[in-house]
Amino acid sequence: MNFLPANRLRLYRDFKALDSNDFHGIVRYFEQHEDGIRALDFDECFECTLAYTNALYETGQHGKHLVMCNHVLEIIIMQNIESRGGENLYERMLHRKAASHYQLHEFEQAEHVWRELIKIDPADRLARRFLEKCLLQQKPGWLMKTRAAGVALSLLSAMVIAVELLIVKAFFEDWLFAFQVGHNVLLGAGVGSFAIGESWYAFQCRRNVLRFAARAKRRKITT
């Protein structure tokens, strides 16, 4: 049995004494004593590093979390660590890595990680749901044009209403009905353009995720 020297034992003991939900405290303690923690035996060092990495995520320090997450994933692969605390540690770290990318608006990187998780487990509902959310954030050019058209038509409708109230109603009552129909048509077309574009893109994202998961499932069955 290996025994830690007194100073290293005290360092590890004090770290373990921290409340597991005191994420800010864990971050401060690790960063203040990082050199000493790195000198601990592997199991103790990895436990502290894992707690620090999770604390970075919980405190919203997603840039730092990504650096540490990649480090922890490398250790997991090299040491062949399959699970910890009854859960698949590798998949959990990948989920949080993708989430940090998402929070930093790095949607392409987040999409890549969630696709890898679906390849590992096509039935992973969490990965599928967040992949869909990630795709929804990556607006294609045609959708932006649809939005612009909707806004333009709505503004044009507002201009027609202004002309109708200020000029037509006062001086050209015979044209009033035509202007009323016109602004209603323009407003309906603007709202419809926006709504149809958004609905169609959401449908495409859902369909793409389902198709990707189905392909991943077929590959797992055939291999």
Foldseek 3Di string as FASTA:
>chain_A
DDDDPPVLVVLLVVLVPDDLPPLVVLLVSCVVCVVSLVPDPPVSSLVSLVSNLVSCLVVLVLVVNLVSLVVNLVVCVVVVPQDDPPDGPNLVSLQSNLVSCVVVVVLVVSLVSLLVSLLVPLPPPVSLVVNLVSQLSPDDPVLVVLLVQLVVLLVVLVVLVVCLVPPCVVPPVVCNVVSVVSSVVSNVSSVVSNVVSSVVSSVVSNVVSVVSSVVSVVVVVVD
